[in-house]
Amino acid sequence: MSLKTGAASVAKMVAVVLGAVAPPSWAQQVPPHVLVVGPMVKIDGRFFISGLSEGLQEGFKPGDPDLPHTRLDIRNVASADAAKAVIGPAVDAGVNAIVTIYGQSTQAAVAATSKIPVVFCPVADAVGSKLVASNEAPGGNLTGVSSADAQASRQRLDAIRQVLPGLKRLAVLFDPGFPPDKTQMKNLEQVAPSVGITIVSRPVEDAGATMAALEALGSNDADAIFILKEATLRRAGPGLKQAAWKQKLPILVTDPELVVTFPAALAAVGFNQRELGRACGRMTARVLKGAKPADLPVEHPDFELLLNVQTAQRLGLTVPGAPSEGNFAQLPLRKPAS
């Protein structure tokens, strides 16, 4: 089944499931229409949409008089122009809410409407990109989840320090031409001193630059490498893979899938796609029940820590709480000190 077909099937399933628990009095009413738009492949739409439907159901409890037959219109789009082409007609048709995935779709929604509620899931930094006035009081028609602002960046650094307790210098490979990377880099540099880490910045724009940066970094430069430009790793050729394997420094990423597909990566600190969807579903349910996005604080994802046990052994690392055998381990994150 193709992703597009699968997304359509999930949307149909969501409408049926939500409608099945609705009281009969709603049968004659027009169901609320929620547009879900963004790059489903990048976020793994199967898990995100499943979580979104669960969150909507959690927001509309069985027996709740406000429980509607919510209809999800799921559109997999990979560009800003494609997002605009989908969002414009939905706004004209009177969609009740828009759930956007990542920045391009969110910006397209901002350009299309200042009245229809928009729940972004996620963007890098909602305040930094001026989508909201503040995380605590968004103030407009948008709210959602920020995954790489200062608070989220500190959570990631805390998790990396959990894997590497002695970490002092962290080399970060990022694409200065990719806005989310640029935003996260700025926030990492802002919060790193407060957790005792020095950021070693390494801009990389393509696979060649990434390979050169990996080959050039040594123990005199950094204690570990954090790669934000993950698109390069997904398309990594033999040269880049060889450079990563030869690198004696621990390599960390943000996408747990890469720990499996790119074995040179020691660990990933990323968010659970299903749980992200659930959080956005609950927020969307509140909007459909009458809450204003302006009054709903921006949230942050719950991060997960996935370790490649064999890579840790190859590097001679003892990771606190990690098993001594096996391939991969999901480690519980420590609560930050209050």
C-alpha atoms as a PDB file:
ATOM      1  CA  MET A   1       0.000   0.000   0.000  1.00  0.00           C
ATOM      2  CA  SER A   2       1.378   3.407  -0.938  1.00  0.00           C
ATOM      3  CA  LEU A   3       1.798   6.151   1.666  1.00  0.00           C
ATOM      4  CA  LYS A   4      -0.842   8.261  -0.065  1.00  0.00           C
ATOM      5  CA  THR A   5      -3.291   5.356  -0.113  1.00  0.00           C
ATOM      6  CA  GLY A   6      -2.372   4.441   3.442  1.00  0.00           C
ATOM      7  CA  ALA A   7      -2.937   7.995   4.664  1.00  0.00           C
ATOM      8  CA  ALA A   8      -6.345   8.060   2.995  1.00  0.00           C
ATOM      9  CA  SER A   9      -7.237   4.753   4.647  1.00  0.00           C
ATOM     10  CA  VAL A  10      -6.135   6.062   8.026  1.00  0.00           C
ATOM     11  CA  ALA A  11      -8.251   9.197   7.541  1.00  0.00           C
ATOM     12  CA  LYS A  12     -11.293   7.095   6.734  1.00  0.00           C
ATOM     13  CA  MET A  13     -10.618   4.894   9.741  1.00  0.00           C
ATOM     14  CA  VAL A  14     -10.297   7.926  12.019  1.00  0.00           C
ATOM     15  CA  ALA A  15     -13.621   9.338  10.888  1.00  0.00           C
ATOM     16  CA  VAL A  16     -15.316   5.983  11.428  1.00  0.00           C
ATOM     17  CA  VAL A  17     -13.772   5.392  14.842  1.00  0.00           C
ATOM     18  CA  LEU A  18     -14.578   8.849  16.146  1.00  0.00           C
ATOM     19  CA  GLY A  19     -18.075   8.749  14.731  1.00  0.00           C
ATOM     20  CA  ALA A  20     -18.769   5.329  16.200  1.00  0.00           C
ATOM     21  CA  VAL A  21     -18.691   6.640  19.757  1.00  0.00           C
ATOM     22  CA  ALA A  22     -20.630   9.814  19.028  1.00  0.00           C
ATOM     23  CA  PRO A  23     -24.183  10.177  20.414  1.00  0.00           C
ATOM     24  CA  PRO A  24     -26.961   9.868  17.838  1.00  0.00           C
ATOM     25  CA  SER A  25     -27.942  13.518  18.269  1.00  0.00           C
ATOM     26  CA  TRP A  26     -24.868  14.482  16.241  1.00  0.00           C
ATOM     27  CA  ALA A  27     -25.964  12.451  13.226  1.00  0.00           C
ATOM     28  CA  GLN A  28     -27.722  15.372  11.558  1.00  0.00           C
ATOM     29  CA  GLN A  29     -24.914  17.858  12.123  1.00  0.00           C
ATOM     30  CA  VAL A  30     -22.099  18.704   9.696  1.00  0.00           C
ATOM     31  CA  PRO A  31     -18.926  17.061  11.034  1.00  0.00           C
ATOM     32  CA  PRO A  32     -15.978  19.337  11.824  1.00  0.00           C
ATOM     33  CA  HIS A  33     -13.368  19.221   9.074  1.00  0.00           C
ATOM     34  CA  VAL A  34      -9.670  19.133  10.060  1.00  0.00           C
ATOM     35  CA  LEU A  35      -6.998  19.457   7.377  1.00  0.00           C
ATOM     36  CA  VAL A  36      -3.731  17.655   8.161  1.00  0.00           C
ATOM     37  CA  VAL A  37      -0.992  18.791   5.784  1.00  0.00           C
ATOM     38  CA  GLY A  38       2.747  18.211   5.532  1.00  0.00           C
ATOM     39  CA  PRO A  39       5.516  15.767   4.522  1.00  0.00           C
ATOM     40  CA  MET A  40       4.138  12.483   5.866  1.00  0.00           C
ATOM     41  CA  VAL A  41       7.216  10.559   4.729  1.00  0.00           C
ATOM     42  CA  LYS A  42       9.592  12.759   6.706  1.00  0.00           C
ATOM     43  CA  ILE A  43       7.586  12.454   9.914  1.00  0.00           C
ATOM     44  CA  ASP A  44       6.424   8.851   9.267  1.00  0.00           C
ATOM     45  CA  GLY A  45       2.738   9.563   8.828  1.00  0.00           C
ATOM     46  CA  ARG A  46       1.646   6.078   9.895  1.00  0.00           C
ATOM     47  CA  PHE A  47       2.615   6.691  13.504  1.00  0.00           C
ATOM     48  CA  PHE A  48       1.805  10.391  13.570  1.00  0.00           C
ATOM     49  CA  ILE A  49      -1.735   9.999  12.178  1.00  0.00           C
ATOM     50  CA  SER A  50      -2.428   7.043  14.450  1.00  0.00           C
ATOM     51  CA  GLY A  51      -1.360   9.163  17.426  1.00  0.00           C
ATOM     52  CA  LEU A  52      -3.373  12.126  16.174  1.00  0.00           C
ATOM     53  CA  SER A  53      -6.551  10.039  16.070  1.00  0.00           C
ATOM     54  CA  GLU A  54      -5.841   8.733  19.570  1.00  0.00           C
ATOM     55  CA  GLY A  55      -5.312  12.267  20.855  1.00  0.00           C
ATOM     56  CA  LEU A  56      -8.576  13.443  19.313  1.00  0.00           C
ATOM     57  CA  GLN A  57     -10.428  10.616  21.015  1.00  0.00           C
ATOM     58  CA  GLU A  58      -8.750  11.441  24.311  1.00  0.00           C
ATOM     59  CA  GLY A  59      -9.828  15.059  23.898  1.00  0.00           C
ATOM     60  CA  PHE A  60     -13.413  14.017  23.213  1.00  0.00           C
ATOM     61  CA  LYS A  61     -14.264  11.615  26.007  1.00  0.00           C
ATOM     62  CA  PRO A  62     -17.059   9.066  25.453  1.00  0.00           C
ATOM     63  CA  GLY A  63     -20.304  10.643  26.577  1.00  0.00           C
ATOM     64  CA  ASP A  64     -18.943  14.146  26.132  1.00  0.00           C
ATOM     65  CA  PRO A  65     -21.802  16.235  24.691  1.00  0.00           C
ATOM     66  CA  ASP A  66     -19.289  18.010  22.457  1.00  0.00           C
ATOM     67  CA  LEU A  67     -18.093  14.814  20.786  1.00  0.00           C
ATOM     68  CA  PRO A  68     -18.266  15.372  17.013  1.00  0.00           C
ATOM     69  CA  HIS A  69     -17.858  13.159  13.979  1.00  0.00           C
ATOM     70  CA  THR A  70     -14.451  14.684  13.226  1.00  0.00           C
ATOM     71  CA  ARG A  71     -13.323  14.265   9.616  1.00  0.00           C
ATOM     72  CA  LEU A  72      -9.595  14.285   8.921  1.00  0.00           C
ATOM     73  CA  ASP A  73      -8.475  15.328   5.448  1.00  0.00           C
ATOM     74  CA  ILE A  74      -4.873  14.082   5.253  1.00  0.00           C
ATOM     75  CA  ARG A  75      -2.601  15.530   2.559  1.00  0.00           C
ATOM     76  CA  ASN A  76       0.989  14.423   2.030  1.00  0.00           C
ATOM     77  CA  VAL A  77       2.842  17.435   0.577  1.00  0.00           C
ATOM     78  CA  ALA A  78       6.594  17.937   0.308  1.00  0.00           C
ATOM     79  CA  SER A  79       6.936  21.600  -0.709  1.00  0.00           C
ATOM     80  CA  ALA A  80       5.692  25.066   0.199  1.00  0.00           C
ATOM     81  CA  ASP A  81       3.854  25.435  -3.116  1.00  0.00           C
ATOM     82  CA  ALA A  82       2.121  22.091  -2.666  1.00  0.00           C
ATOM     83  CA  ALA A  83       1.060  23.110   0.841  1.00  0.00           C
ATOM     84  CA  LYS A  84      -0.379  26.391  -0.456  1.00  0.00           C
ATOM     85  CA  ALA A  85      -2.300  24.556  -3.167  1.00  0.00           C
ATOM     86  CA  VAL A  86      -3.951  22.366  -0.529  1.00  0.00           C
ATOM     87  CA  ILE A  87      -4.508  24.914   2.243  1.00  0.00           C
ATOM     88  CA  GLY A  88      -6.052  27.676   0.092  1.00  0.00           C
ATOM     89  CA  PRO A  89      -9.066  25.665  -1.097  1.00  0.00           C
ATOM     90  CA  ALA A  90      -9.565  24.209   2.406  1.00  0.00           C
ATOM     91  CA  VAL A  91      -9.703  27.717   3.879  1.00  0.00           C
ATOM     92  CA  ASP A  92     -12.194  28.769   1.201  1.00  0.00           C
ATOM     93  CA  ALA A  93     -14.314  25.708   1.995  1.00  0.00           C
ATOM     94  CA  GLY A  94     -14.470  26.655   5.680  1.00  0.00           C
ATOM     95  CA  VAL A  95     -12.210  24.052   7.263  1.00  0.00           C
ATOM     96  CA  ASN A  96     -12.555  24.113  11.079  1.00  0.00           C
ATOM     97  CA  ALA A  97      -8.879  23.624  11.950  1.00  0.00           C
ATOM     98  CA  ILE A  98      -5.547  22.969  10.241  1.00  0.00           C
ATOM     99  CA  VAL A  99      -2.837  20.665  11.591  1.00  0.00           C
ATOM    100  CA  THR A 100       0.500  21.453   9.941  1.00  0.00           C
ATOM    101  CA  ILE A 101       3.633  19.312   9.879  1.00  0.00           C
ATOM    102  CA  TYR A 102       6.898  21.302   9.958  1.00  0.00           C
ATOM    103  CA  GLY A 103       7.674  24.838   8.920  1.00  0.00           C
ATOM    104  CA  GLN A 104       6.763  25.060   5.231  1.00  0.00           C
ATOM    105  CA  SER A 105       3.191  23.905   5.768  1.00  0.00           C
ATOM    106  CA  THR A 106       2.874  26.126   8.828  1.00  0.00           C
ATOM    107  CA  GLN A 107       4.068  29.200   6.948  1.00  0.00           C
ATOM    108  CA  ALA A 108       1.634  28.385   4.135  1.00  0.00           C
ATOM    109  CA  ALA A 109      -1.193  28.250   6.675  1.00  0.00           C
ATOM    110  CA  VAL A 110      -0.104  31.568   8.190  1.00  0.00           C
ATOM    111  CA  ALA A 111      -0.206  33.161   4.747  1.00  0.00           C
ATOM    112  CA  ALA A 112      -3.648  31.707   4.029  1.00  0.00           C
ATOM    113  CA  THR A 113      -5.572  32.603   7.185  1.00  0.00           C
ATOM    114  CA  SER A 114      -5.418  34.619  10.392  1.00  0.00           C
ATOM    115  CA  LYS A 115      -8.717  33.270  11.719  1.00  0.00           C
ATOM    116  CA  ILE A 116      -8.866  29.501  11.300  1.00  0.00           C
ATOM    117  CA  PRO A 117      -7.061  27.699  14.165  1.00  0.00           C
ATOM    118  CA  VAL A 118      -3.701  26.189  13.212  1.00  0.00           C
ATOM    119  CA  VAL A 119      -1.933  23.525  15.301  1.00  0.00           C
ATOM    120  CA  PHE A 120       1.720  23.094  14.201  1.00  0.00           C
ATOM    121  CA  CYS A 121       3.231  19.656  14.839  1.00  0.00           C
ATOM    122  CA  PRO A 122       6.053  20.514  15.138  1.00  0.00           C
ATOM    123  CA  VAL A 123       8.080  23.559  14.201  1.00  0.00           C
ATOM    124  CA  ALA A 124      11.636  24.185  15.373  1.00  0.00           C
ATOM    125  CA  ASP A 125      11.076  27.370  17.378  1.00  0.00           C
ATOM    126  CA  ALA A 126       7.637  28.975  17.332  1.00  0.00           C
ATOM    127  CA  VAL A 127       8.767  32.107  19.165  1.00  0.00           C
ATOM    128  CA  GLY A 128      12.023  32.514  17.247  1.00  0.00           C
ATOM    129  CA  SER A 129      10.204  32.237  13.917  1.00  0.00           C
ATOM    130  CA  LYS A 130       7.597  34.739  15.147  1.00  0.00           C
ATOM    131  CA  LEU A 131       4.695  32.338  14.766  1.00  0.00           C
ATOM    132  CA  VAL A 132       3.578  33.083  18.327  1.00  0.00           C
ATOM    133  CA  ALA A 133       4.140  35.901  20.793  1.00  0.00           C
ATOM    134  CA  SER A 134       5.350  33.510  23.510  1.00  0.00           C
ATOM    135  CA  ASN A 135       5.156  29.829  24.369  1.00  0.00           C
ATOM    136  CA  GLU A 136       2.986  30.588  27.382  1.00  0.00           C
ATOM    137  CA  ALA A 137       0.508  32.865  25.559  1.00  0.00           C
ATOM    138  CA  PRO A 138       0.676  32.379  21.766  1.00  0.00           C
ATOM    139  CA  GLY A 139      -1.667  35.284  21.170  1.00  0.00           C
ATOM    140  CA  GLY A 140      -2.935  34.526  17.657  1.00  0.00           C
ATOM    141  CA  ASN A 141      -4.602  31.705  15.741  1.00  0.00           C
ATOM    142  CA  LEU A 142      -1.633  29.322  16.112  1.00  0.00           C
ATOM    143  CA  THR A 143      -0.382  26.940  18.780  1.00  0.00           C
ATOM    144  CA  GLY A 144       1.293  23.557  18.746  1.00  0.00           C
ATOM    145  CA  VAL A 145       4.628  21.895  19.495  1.00  0.00           C
ATOM    146  CA  SER A 146       8.173  23.341  19.314  1.00  0.00           C
ATOM    147  CA  SER A 147      10.880  20.707  18.950  1.00  0.00           C
ATOM    148  CA  ALA A 148      14.138  22.691  18.787  1.00  0.00           C
ATOM    149  CA  ASP A 149      13.725  25.898  20.775  1.00  0.00           C
ATOM    150  CA  ALA A 150      15.872  26.686  23.814  1.00  0.00           C
ATOM    151  CA  GLN A 151      13.877  24.458  26.168  1.00  0.00           C
ATOM    152  CA  ALA A 152      13.852  21.503  23.775  1.00  0.00           C
ATOM    153  CA  SER A 153      17.549  21.992  22.949  1.00  0.00           C
ATOM    154  CA  ARG A 154      18.447  21.840  26.631  1.00  0.00           C
ATOM    155  CA  GLN A 155      16.463  18.599  26.948  1.00  0.00           C
ATOM    156  CA  ARG A 156      18.466  17.132  24.061  1.00  0.00           C
ATOM    157  CA  LEU A 157      21.789  18.162  25.585  1.00  0.00           C
ATOM    158  CA  ASP A 158      20.762  16.677  28.933  1.00  0.00           C
ATOM    159  CA  ALA A 159      19.961  13.404  27.165  1.00  0.00           C
ATOM    160  CA  ILE A 160      23.283  13.419  25.287  1.00  0.00           C
ATOM    161  CA  ARG A 161      25.091  14.031  28.574  1.00  0.00           C
ATOM    162  CA  GLN A 162      23.223  11.012  29.969  1.00  0.00           C
ATOM    163  CA  VAL A 163      24.829   8.843  27.271  1.00  0.00           C
ATOM    164  CA  LEU A 164      28.224  10.553  27.609  1.00  0.00           C
ATOM    165  CA  PRO A 165      28.535  11.775  31.232  1.00  0.00           C
ATOM    166  CA  GLY A 166      32.026  13.200  30.662  1.00  0.00           C
ATOM    167  CA  LEU A 167      31.078  15.217  27.582  1.00  0.00           C
ATOM    168  CA  LYS A 168      32.634  18.684  27.481  1.00  0.00           C
ATOM    169  CA  ARG A 169      32.989  19.575  23.771  1.00  0.00           C
ATOM    170  CA  LEU A 170      30.256  18.718  21.277  1.00  0.00           C
ATOM    171  CA  ALA A 171      30.898  19.206  17.554  1.00  0.00           C
ATOM    172  CA  VAL A 172      27.621  19.986  15.763  1.00  0.00           C
ATOM    173  CA  LEU A 173      27.338  19.449  11.995  1.00  0.00           C
ATOM    174  CA  PHE A 174      24.503  21.571  10.616  1.00  0.00           C
ATOM    175  CA  ASP A 175      23.284  23.008   7.334  1.00  0.00           C
ATOM    176  CA  PRO A 176      23.327  26.835   7.575  1.00  0.00           C
ATOM    177  CA  GLY A 177      20.990  27.018   4.570  1.00  0.00           C
ATOM    178  CA  PHE A 178      18.290  24.872   6.222  1.00  0.00           C
ATOM    179  CA  PRO A 179      16.237  27.084   8.605  1.00  0.00           C
ATOM    180  CA  PRO A 180      15.444  24.370  11.224  1.00  0.00           C
ATOM    181  CA  ASP A 181      19.153  23.477  11.484  1.00  0.00           C
ATOM    182  CA  LYS A 182      20.109  27.136  11.775  1.00  0.00           C
ATOM    183  CA  THR A 183      17.491  27.683  14.480  1.00  0.00           C
ATOM    184  CA  GLN A 184      18.498  24.651  16.509  1.00  0.00           C
ATOM    185  CA  MET A 185      22.170  25.540  16.218  1.00  0.00           C
ATOM    186  CA  LYS A 186      21.484  28.994  17.631  1.00  0.00           C
ATOM    187  CA  ASN A 187      19.528  27.519  20.547  1.00  0.00           C
ATOM    188  CA  LEU A 188      22.131  24.849  21.254  1.00  0.00           C
ATOM    189  CA  GLU A 189      24.820  27.522  21.462  1.00  0.00           C
ATOM    190  CA  GLN A 190      22.575  29.548  23.771  1.00  0.00           C
ATOM    191  CA  VAL A 191      21.879  26.800  26.317  1.00  0.00           C
ATOM    192  CA  ALA A 192      25.087  24.715  26.127  1.00  0.00           C
ATOM    193  CA  PRO A 193      27.104  26.806  28.641  1.00  0.00           C
ATOM    194  CA  SER A 194      24.420  26.278  31.291  1.00  0.00           C
ATOM    195  CA  VAL A 195      24.931  22.499  31.120  1.00  0.00           C
ATOM    196  CA  GLY A 196      28.729  22.705  30.954  1.00  0.00           C
ATOM    197  CA  ILE A 197      29.128  21.927  27.253  1.00  0.00           C
ATOM    198  CA  THR A 198      31.105  23.837  24.632  1.00  0.00           C
ATOM    199  CA  ILE A 199      29.631  23.727  21.112  1.00  0.00           C
ATOM    200  CA  VAL A 200      32.089  23.282  18.237  1.00  0.00           C
ATOM    201  CA  SER A 201      30.259  24.538  15.153  1.00  0.00           C
ATOM    202  CA  ARG A 202      30.804  22.824  11.788  1.00  0.00           C
ATOM    203  CA  PRO A 203      28.614  24.077   8.882  1.00  0.00           C
ATOM    204  CA  VAL A 204      28.097  21.407   6.214  1.00  0.00           C
ATOM    205  CA  GLU A 205      26.007  21.976   3.097  1.00  0.00           C
ATOM    206  CA  ASP A 206      26.291  18.617   1.328  1.00  0.00           C
ATOM    207  CA  ALA A 207      27.582  15.073   1.602  1.00  0.00           C
ATOM    208  CA  GLY A 208      31.114  16.080   0.601  1.00  0.00           C
ATOM    209  CA  ALA A 209      31.316  18.739   3.302  1.00  0.00           C
ATOM    210  CA  THR A 210      29.882  16.312   5.852  1.00  0.00           C
ATOM    211  CA  MET A 211      32.491  13.682   4.978  1.00  0.00           C
ATOM    212  CA  ALA A 212      35.287  16.250   5.132  1.00  0.00           C
ATOM    213  CA  ALA A 213      34.102  17.468   8.539  1.00  0.00           C
ATOM    214  CA  LEU A 214      33.932  13.911   9.897  1.00  0.00           C
ATOM    215  CA  GLU A 215      37.427  13.112   8.646  1.00  0.00           C
ATOM    216  CA  ALA A 216      38.879  16.330  10.052  1.00  0.00           C
ATOM    217  CA  LEU A 217      37.429  16.073  13.552  1.00  0.00           C
ATOM    218  CA  GLY A 218      39.556  14.388  16.159  1.00  0.00           C
ATOM    219  CA  SER A 219      39.752  13.989  19.918  1.00  0.00           C
ATOM    220  CA  ASN A 220      41.629  17.293  20.149  1.00  0.00           C
ATOM    221  CA  ASP A 221      38.622  19.068  18.664  1.00  0.00           C
ATOM    222  CA  ALA A 222      35.635  17.447  20.361  1.00  0.00           C
ATOM    223  CA  ASP A 223      34.461  14.588  22.563  1.00  0.00           C
ATOM    224  CA  ALA A 224      31.480  13.700  20.365  1.00  0.00           C
ATOM    225  CA  ILE A 225      29.703  14.688  17.148  1.00  0.00           C
ATOM    226  CA  PHE A 226      26.039  15.670  16.856  1.00  0.00           C
ATOM    227  CA  ILE A 227      24.755  15.610  13.256  1.00  0.00           C
ATOM    228  CA  LEU A 228      21.739  17.799  12.552  1.00  0.00           C
ATOM    229  CA  LYS A 229      21.960  17.461   8.750  1.00  0.00           C
ATOM    230  CA  GLU A 230      20.349  14.034   8.728  1.00  0.00           C
ATOM    231  CA  ALA A 231      19.123  14.147   5.132  1.00  0.00           C
ATOM    232  CA  THR A 232      22.764  13.542   4.179  1.00  0.00           C
ATOM    233  CA  LEU A 233      22.921  10.426   6.343  1.00  0.00           C
ATOM    234  CA  ARG A 234      19.759   9.013   4.799  1.00  0.00           C
ATOM    235  CA  ARG A 235      21.393   9.231   1.377  1.00  0.00           C
ATOM    236  CA  ALA A 236      24.880   8.370   2.590  1.00  0.00           C
ATOM    237  CA  GLY A 237      27.133   6.810  -0.020  1.00  0.00           C
ATOM    238  CA  PRO A 238      30.056   4.434   0.654  1.00  0.00           C
ATOM    239  CA  GLY A 239      32.529   7.279   1.196  1.00  0.00           C
ATOM    240  CA  LEU A 240      30.487   8.971   3.909  1.00  0.00           C
ATOM    241  CA  LYS A 241      29.697   5.677   5.625  1.00  0.00           C
ATOM    242  CA  GLN A 242      33.384   4.753   5.606  1.00  0.00           C
ATOM    243  CA  ALA A 243      34.365   8.128   7.049  1.00  0.00           C
ATOM    244  CA  ALA A 244      31.809   7.714   9.841  1.00  0.00           C
ATOM    245  CA  TRP A 245      32.961   4.176  10.673  1.00  0.00           C
ATOM    246  CA  LYS A 246      36.597   5.293  10.846  1.00  0.00           C
ATOM    247  CA  GLN A 247      35.693   8.157  13.134  1.00  0.00           C
ATOM    248  CA  LYS A 248      36.587   7.254  16.707  1.00  0.00           C
ATOM    249  CA  LEU A 249      34.280   9.858  18.221  1.00  0.00           C
ATOM    250  CA  PRO A 250      30.699   9.013  19.260  1.00  0.00           C
ATOM    251  CA  ILE A 251      28.167  10.199  16.669  1.00  0.00           C
ATOM    252  CA  LEU A 252      24.700  11.302  17.799  1.00  0.00           C
ATOM    253  CA  VAL A 253      21.588  12.114  15.751  1.00  0.00           C
ATOM    254  CA  THR A 254      18.002  13.228  16.377  1.00  0.00           C
ATOM    255  CA  ASP A 255      16.082  10.547  14.433  1.00  0.00           C
ATOM    256  CA  PRO A 256      15.892   7.121  16.144  1.00  0.00           C
ATOM    257  CA  GLU A 257      15.459   5.441  12.743  1.00  0.00           C
ATOM    258  CA  LEU A 258      18.997   6.466  11.815  1.00  0.00           C
ATOM    259  CA  VAL A 259      20.449   4.519  14.723  1.00  0.00           C
ATOM    260  CA  VAL A 260      19.157   1.429  12.927  1.00  0.00           C
ATOM    261  CA  THR A 261      19.910   2.399   9.320  1.00  0.00           C
ATOM    262  CA  PHE A 262      23.216   4.232   9.955  1.00  0.00           C
ATOM    263  CA  PRO A 263      25.109   1.925  12.349  1.00  0.00           C
ATOM    264  CA  ALA A 264      27.945   4.400  12.894  1.00  0.00           C
ATOM    265  CA  ALA A 265      25.499   6.477  14.976  1.00  0.00           C
ATOM    266  CA  LEU A 266      25.855   5.730  18.675  1.00  0.00           C
ATOM    267  CA  ALA A 267      22.510   7.110  19.816  1.00  0.00           C
ATOM    268  CA  ALA A 268      19.548   9.261  18.878  1.00  0.00           C
ATOM    269  CA  VAL A 269      17.669  11.775  20.975  1.00  0.00           C
ATOM    270  CA  GLY A 270      14.381  12.307  19.178  1.00  0.00           C
ATOM    271  CA  PHE A 271      10.668  12.455  19.755  1.00  0.00           C
ATOM    272  CA  ASN A 272       8.188   9.616  19.498  1.00  0.00           C
ATOM    273  CA  GLN A 273       6.060  10.203  16.387  1.00  0.00           C
ATOM    274  CA  ARG A 274       2.940   8.610  17.864  1.00  0.00           C
ATOM    275  CA  GLU A 275       3.203  10.603  21.081  1.00  0.00           C
ATOM    276  CA  LEU A 276       3.731  13.787  19.070  1.00  0.00           C
ATOM    277  CA  GLY A 277       0.530  13.003  17.182  1.00  0.00           C
ATOM    278  CA  ARG A 278      -1.350  12.360  20.411  1.00  0.00           C
ATOM    279  CA  ALA A 279      -0.295  15.699  21.866  1.00  0.00           C
ATOM    280  CA  CYS A 280      -1.396  17.508  18.704  1.00  0.00           C
ATOM    281  CA  GLY A 281      -4.656  15.544  18.640  1.00  0.00           C
ATOM    282  CA  ARG A 282      -5.497  16.613  22.179  1.00  0.00           C
ATOM    283  CA  MET A 283      -4.757  20.251  21.316  1.00  0.00           C
ATOM    284  CA  THR A 284      -6.885  20.020  18.175  1.00  0.00           C
ATOM    285  CA  ALA A 285      -9.762  18.541  20.165  1.00  0.00           C
ATOM    286  CA  ARG A 286      -9.627  21.485  22.555  1.00  0.00           C
ATOM    287  CA  VAL A 287      -9.741  23.885  19.615  1.00  0.00           C
ATOM    288  CA  LEU A 288     -12.744  22.099  18.120  1.00  0.00           C
ATOM    289  CA  LYS A 289     -14.491  22.368  21.483  1.00  0.00           C
ATOM    290  CA  GLY A 290     -14.058  26.131  21.480  1.00  0.00           C
ATOM    291  CA  ALA A 291     -10.655  26.870  23.022  1.00  0.00           C
ATOM    292  CA  LYS A 292      -8.670  29.654  21.353  1.00  0.00           C
ATOM    293  CA  PRO A 293      -5.140  28.848  20.153  1.00  0.00           C
ATOM    294  CA  ALA A 294      -4.099  32.188  21.628  1.00  0.00           C
ATOM    295  CA  ASP A 295      -4.768  30.725  25.095  1.00  0.00           C
ATOM    296  CA  LEU A 296      -3.225  27.257  24.583  1.00  0.00           C
ATOM    297  CA  PRO A 297       0.488  27.205  25.545  1.00  0.00           C
ATOM    298  CA  VAL A 298       2.988  25.808  23.067  1.00  0.00           C
ATOM    299  CA  GLU A 299       4.135  22.344  24.147  1.00  0.00           C
ATOM    300  CA  HIS A 300       7.396  20.407  23.770  1.00  0.00           C
ATOM    301  CA  PRO A 301       7.749  16.769  22.716  1.00  0.00           C
ATOM    302  CA  ASP A 302       8.695  13.959  25.038  1.00  0.00           C
ATOM    303  CA  PHE A 303      12.143  12.895  23.855  1.00  0.00           C
ATOM    304  CA  GLU A 304      13.354   9.308  23.601  1.00  0.00           C
ATOM    305  CA  LEU A 305      16.876   7.936  23.831  1.00  0.00           C
ATOM    306  CA  LEU A 306      17.776   5.018  21.556  1.00  0.00           C
ATOM    307  CA  LEU A 307      21.245   3.477  21.911  1.00  0.00           C
ATOM    308  CA  ASN A 308      23.125   1.228  19.497  1.00  0.00           C
ATOM    309  CA  VAL A 309      24.632  -1.174  22.021  1.00  0.00           C
ATOM    310  CA  GLN A 310      27.106  -2.682  19.565  1.00  0.00           C
ATOM    311  CA  THR A 311      28.402   0.721  18.497  1.00  0.00           C
ATOM    312  CA  ALA A 312      28.936   1.632  22.154  1.00  0.00           C
ATOM    313  CA  GLN A 313      30.975  -1.546  22.587  1.00  0.00           C
ATOM    314  CA  ARG A 314      33.002  -0.832  19.440  1.00  0.00           C
ATOM    315  CA  LEU A 315      33.885   2.593  20.855  1.00  0.00           C
ATOM    316  CA  GLY A 316      34.712   1.101  24.255  1.00  0.00           C
ATOM    317  CA  LEU A 317      32.008   3.153  25.966  1.00  0.00           C
ATOM    318  CA  THR A 318      30.132   2.251  29.112  1.00  0.00           C
ATOM    319  CA  VAL A 319      26.754   3.961  28.927  1.00  0.00           C
ATOM    320  CA  PRO A 320      24.964   4.232  32.293  1.00  0.00           C
ATOM    321  CA  GLY A 321      21.888   1.998  32.393  1.00  0.00           C
ATOM    322  CA  ALA A 322      22.649   0.290  29.084  1.00  0.00           C
ATOM    323  CA  PRO A 323      22.541  -3.514  28.704  1.00  0.00           C
ATOM    324  CA  SER A 324      25.774  -5.371  28.040  1.00  0.00           C
ATOM    325  CA  GLU A 325      24.268  -7.410  25.191  1.00  0.00           C
ATOM    326  CA  GLY A 326      21.865  -6.905  22.322  1.00  0.00           C
ATOM    327  CA  ASN A 327      21.608  -4.585  19.362  1.00  0.00           C
ATOM    328  CA  PHE A 328      19.560  -1.578  20.490  1.00  0.00           C
ATOM    329  CA  ALA A 329      18.294  -0.287  23.794  1.00  0.00           C
ATOM    330  CA  GLN A 330      15.615   2.278  24.625  1.00  0.00           C
ATOM    331  CA  LEU A 331      16.921   4.060  27.707  1.00  0.00           C
ATOM    332  CA  PRO A 332      14.665   5.996  30.089  1.00  0.00           C
ATOM    333  CA  LEU A 333      15.570   9.657  30.269  1.00  0.00           C
ATOM    334  CA  ARG A 334      16.502  11.062  33.646  1.00  0.00           C
ATOM    335  CA  LYS A 335      14.357  13.839  35.000  1.00  0.00           C
ATOM    336  CA  PRO A 336      16.251  17.144  34.899  1.00  0.00           C
ATOM    337  CA  ALA A 337      17.346  18.484  38.262  1.00  0.00           C
ATOM    338  CA  SER A 338      14.938  21.057  39.646  1.00  0.00           C
END
